[in-house]
Every structure is written in C-alpha cells, then in structure tokens.
Amino acid sequence: MPTRTLREADCALVGGHTSEGAELALGFAINGLIARDQITRKGDLVAGDVLILTKPIGTGTLLAADMRNKARARWVMAALAHMTQSNRRAAEILQACGVHAVTDVTGFGLLGHLVEMVRASNVDAALDLDRVPLLDGVRETMAMGIFSSLQPQNVRLRRAIRNIEAASRNPLYPALFDPQPQVACSRRFPGTR
C-alpha cells in the first residue's frame, strides 16, 4: 500500500532502514524541489490576510481519549481519515488561489504555528475560536478534560494571547494547543480586513 500512495504523490522511495521495537512504526523523511517563484513561507503574512485551515483540528485530544477508551469509534475513524488524507489537492487549490503564506499545524498546535507565522511576518492575528473547524467529538473530549500528552508544553505559548482572560473562558480554548497533522495558510480576500 505505501508504494501506491507514494506513486500517487509523485514520490519515489529511495532508501530506508529497519529497527526493532514493541510496536510497528513507519516514518519518512521527505525531500523535494520547487521553483523559486512557487515558494510560500510562513513569514509572508500581511495585514488583512485570512487564515484557512485545510483540515479540522482535534486529533490530539481524540487519540488521547481513544487510548483511555473514552472516544467513540466514529470520532476516531473520522480523525484517522483526515490524518491520512493527502494535502496535495488542498495545496494545489491554495496555490491557484494565490496563497502567499503557509505553514503546517502539527506538534505545536494551531497557536504555536500561528505564533511562528505572525512573529516571522511582524503582524498580529485575530482568531475567533468559535469559527475554528473541529473534528467530531473534540468538544466532548475536551469537556472531559482529556488532552494529548504534548498539550502541556504547548500551553506555554498562551503568553502570546493578548486577551488571555477572555480567551481562556471559551470552552474551545484548549483546542489552540492541541497537536496534530494539518496545514494552515493565509490569503487576502476582497472585502476582508
């Protein structure tokens, strides 16, 4: 199966090694080439950009809940489907729409990667937590107080939030720190500020 997936992504598997352990593990280091005029960086945000998430967030809390037998199977299956879905088509669409700043949203969570973008671009960002797309079940697992083991180290970034008092009262606040695979980017749309 992995070779078919690699072919679909126009990738070639050119080497590797094996290791022994208690669990099956698979990891890849990806290298690629891109034309200079097609490069998008996290530091190219400008005032008026709109943040676009290509996938909903919440895989960290859902997987943590699954490990505690507190997640519904449909929540976990939907999360896995999102995690294994290629970002290739989303990247093609975003490139065609003129996206000029991009980052992934992985281990540092949405806030961690957004902080990297705004610092590199020397801009501020306003985020409406109620409009952040969440996977099914995320509200429920967060309400149970179930979070990824990586979440506590991400919470240290809360100091980057200007209105921490108001933000921390929102029940979706913990989602800002939830680590997961995802892609985020920005683009200016007509009529937005």
Protein backbone atom coordinates (compact mmCIF):
# COMPACT_ATOMS: atom_id res chain seq x y z
CA MET A 1 0.00 0.00 0.00
CA PRO A 2 2.70 2.61 0.85
CA THR A 3 4.25 2.36 -2.62
CA ARG A 4 0.88 3.07 -4.27
CA THR A 5 0.41 6.10 -2.04
CA LEU A 6 3.91 7.33 -2.86
CA ARG A 7 3.26 6.91 -6.59
CA GLU A 8 0.02 8.91 -6.28
CA ALA A 9 2.07 11.73 -4.72
CA ASP A 10 4.74 11.52 -7.45
CA CYS A 11 7.29 10.37 -4.86
CA ALA A 12 9.95 7.71 -5.09
CA LEU A 13 11.09 5.60 -2.16
CA VAL A 14 14.87 5.69 -2.47
CA GLY A 15 16.18 4.15 0.73
CA GLY A 16 15.49 3.30 4.31
CA HIS A 17 16.39 1.18 7.29
CA THR A 18 14.69 -1.07 9.80
CA SER A 19 14.56 -1.09 13.55
CA GLU A 20 13.09 -3.38 16.15
CA GLY A 21 10.55 -2.42 18.75
CA ALA A 22 7.42 -3.48 20.57
CA GLU A 23 5.16 -1.71 18.06
CA LEU A 24 5.11 -1.36 14.29
CA ALA A 25 6.41 2.07 13.30
CA LEU A 26 6.88 3.75 9.94
CA GLY A 27 8.38 7.16 9.27
CA PHE A 28 9.55 9.11 6.26
CA ALA A 29 11.95 11.95 5.58
CA ILE A 30 10.73 13.82 2.51
CA ASN A 31 12.91 15.93 0.21
CA GLY A 32 11.74 17.81 -2.82
CA LEU A 33 12.47 20.55 -5.31
CA ILE A 34 10.39 23.62 -6.07
CA ALA A 35 10.80 26.57 -8.39
CA ARG A 36 11.79 29.75 -6.52
CA ASP A 37 8.73 31.63 -7.76
CA GLN A 38 6.42 28.97 -6.25
CA ILE A 39 7.82 29.00 -2.72
CA THR A 40 5.44 30.05 0.06
CA ARG A 41 6.81 30.81 3.50
CA LYS A 42 5.33 31.20 6.94
CA GLY A 43 6.78 34.70 7.23
CA ASP A 44 4.86 36.25 4.34
CA LEU A 45 1.65 37.17 6.18
CA VAL A 46 0.35 40.68 5.56
CA ALA A 47 -2.34 42.72 7.29
CA GLY A 48 -5.77 41.69 6.03
CA ASP A 49 -4.93 38.03 5.40
CA VAL A 50 -7.49 35.37 6.29
CA LEU A 51 -6.41 32.11 7.92
CA ILE A 52 -7.50 28.97 6.10
CA LEU A 53 -7.30 25.55 7.73
CA THR A 54 -7.37 22.69 5.24
CA LYS A 55 -8.50 20.18 7.85
CA PRO A 56 -10.36 20.41 11.15
CA ILE A 57 -8.28 20.17 14.33
CA GLY A 58 -8.54 17.99 17.41
CA THR A 59 -6.64 14.79 16.64
CA GLY A 60 -4.54 15.06 19.80
CA THR A 61 -7.48 15.06 22.20
CA LEU A 62 -9.33 12.39 20.21
CA LEU A 63 -6.38 10.00 20.14
CA ALA A 64 -5.74 10.61 23.85
CA ALA A 65 -9.41 9.82 24.52
CA ASP A 66 -9.16 6.69 22.39
CA MET A 67 -6.21 5.47 24.48
CA ARG A 68 -8.41 5.87 27.57
CA ASN A 69 -11.39 4.12 25.91
CA LYS A 70 -13.36 7.39 26.14
CA ALA A 71 -13.74 8.16 22.42
CA ARG A 72 -16.48 6.95 20.12
CA ALA A 73 -15.26 4.81 17.24
CA ARG A 74 -16.78 7.15 14.64
CA TRP A 75 -14.80 10.09 16.09
CA VAL A 76 -11.52 8.20 15.89
CA MET A 77 -12.23 6.81 12.42
CA ALA A 78 -13.05 10.31 11.12
CA ALA A 79 -9.85 11.68 12.69
CA LEU A 80 -7.78 8.92 11.08
CA ALA A 81 -9.44 9.59 7.72
CA HIS A 82 -8.44 13.27 7.95
CA MET A 83 -4.92 12.42 9.10
CA THR A 84 -4.31 10.04 6.22
CA GLN A 85 -5.84 12.29 3.56
CA SER A 86 -3.18 13.83 1.36
CA ASN A 87 -2.79 17.60 1.47
CA ARG A 88 -1.79 17.62 -2.19
CA ARG A 89 -5.15 18.71 -3.62
CA ALA A 90 -5.58 21.38 -0.95
CA ALA A 91 -2.10 22.70 -1.74
CA GLU A 92 -2.92 22.86 -5.46
CA ILE A 93 -6.15 24.75 -4.79
CA LEU A 94 -4.48 27.18 -2.41
CA GLN A 95 -1.63 27.82 -4.82
CA ALA A 96 -4.14 28.51 -7.61
CA CYS A 97 -5.93 30.99 -5.31
CA GLY A 98 -2.75 32.97 -4.68
CA VAL A 99 -1.90 31.94 -1.14
CA HIS A 100 1.28 33.72 -0.10
CA ALA A 101 1.97 32.44 3.45
CA VAL A 102 1.74 28.85 4.62
CA THR A 103 2.68 26.57 7.49
CA ASP A 104 1.77 23.19 8.84
CA VAL A 105 -0.14 22.69 12.08
CA THR A 106 1.46 19.75 13.82
CA GLY A 107 3.05 19.19 17.21
CA PHE A 108 2.95 22.83 18.35
CA GLY A 109 -0.81 23.07 17.72
CA LEU A 110 -2.71 25.83 15.97
CA LEU A 111 -1.49 28.58 18.30
CA GLY A 112 2.15 27.50 18.17
CA HIS A 113 2.29 27.55 14.40
CA LEU A 114 0.25 30.76 14.15
CA VAL A 115 2.71 32.41 16.56
CA GLU A 116 5.57 31.33 14.27
CA MET A 117 3.79 32.92 11.31
CA VAL A 118 2.95 36.25 12.97
CA ARG A 119 6.41 36.65 14.51
CA ALA A 120 8.13 35.90 11.20
CA SER A 121 5.80 38.35 9.43
CA ASN A 122 5.75 41.08 12.10
CA VAL A 123 1.93 41.22 12.14
CA ASP A 124 -0.78 40.39 14.67
CA ALA A 125 -3.64 37.95 14.18
CA ALA A 126 -7.20 37.85 15.50
CA LEU A 127 -8.65 34.38 15.89
CA ASP A 128 -12.33 33.61 16.50
CA LEU A 129 -12.27 30.32 18.42
CA ASP A 130 -15.90 29.60 17.59
CA ARG A 131 -15.03 29.54 13.87
CA VAL A 132 -12.06 27.15 14.14
CA PRO A 133 -13.11 23.87 12.48
CA LEU A 134 -13.04 20.95 14.92
CA LEU A 135 -13.30 17.22 14.33
CA ASP A 136 -16.41 15.49 15.65
CA GLY A 137 -16.01 14.59 19.30
CA VAL A 138 -13.42 17.25 20.14
CA ARG A 139 -15.83 19.35 22.19
CA GLU A 140 -16.82 16.26 24.14
CA THR A 141 -13.28 15.02 24.86
CA MET A 142 -12.09 18.49 25.85
CA ALA A 143 -15.11 18.83 28.16
CA MET A 144 -13.98 15.57 29.82
CA GLY A 145 -10.54 17.14 30.36
CA ILE A 146 -8.78 14.72 28.02
CA PHE A 147 -5.79 16.16 26.19
CA SER A 148 -2.71 14.93 24.36
CA SER A 149 0.41 14.36 26.46
CA LEU A 150 2.07 17.03 24.26
CA GLN A 151 -0.54 19.65 25.15
CA PRO A 152 1.05 20.93 28.40
CA GLN A 153 4.24 22.04 26.65
CA ASN A 154 2.14 23.84 24.02
CA VAL A 155 0.16 25.72 26.68
CA ARG A 156 3.28 27.76 27.50
CA LEU A 157 2.52 29.72 24.32
CA ARG A 158 -0.59 31.20 25.95
CA ARG A 159 1.52 34.26 26.77
CA ALA A 160 1.22 35.21 23.09
CA ILE A 161 -2.53 35.74 23.50
CA ARG A 162 -3.30 39.40 24.15
CA ASN A 163 -6.76 38.84 25.68
CA ILE A 164 -5.92 35.71 27.67
CA GLU A 165 -8.67 36.31 30.27
CA ALA A 166 -11.48 36.26 27.70
CA ALA A 167 -9.91 33.56 25.54
CA SER A 168 -9.36 31.15 28.42
CA ARG A 169 -13.07 31.32 29.36
CA ASN A 170 -14.06 29.93 25.95
CA PRO A 171 -14.65 26.15 26.19
CA LEU A 172 -12.75 25.77 22.90
CA TYR A 173 -9.62 27.44 24.29
CA PRO A 174 -7.75 24.11 24.80
CA ALA A 175 -8.08 23.37 21.07
CA LEU A 176 -5.49 26.09 20.40
CA PHE A 177 -2.81 23.89 21.95
CA ASP A 178 -3.87 20.52 20.53
CA PRO A 179 -1.05 18.91 18.49
CA GLN A 180 -1.89 17.30 15.13
CA PRO A 181 -1.09 16.88 11.46
CA GLN A 182 -2.68 19.67 9.40
CA VAL A 183 -1.88 22.52 7.06
CA ALA A 184 -2.74 26.19 7.54
CA CYS A 185 -2.15 29.08 5.18
CA SER A 186 -3.28 32.62 4.58
CA ARG A 187 -4.62 34.65 1.72
CA ARG A 188 -6.13 38.10 1.42
CA PHE A 189 -9.73 38.02 0.18
CA PRO A 190 -11.53 41.02 -1.26
CA GLY A 191 -13.68 42.76 1.33
CA THR A 192 -11.80 41.41 4.37
CA ARG A 193 -9.86 43.40 6.91
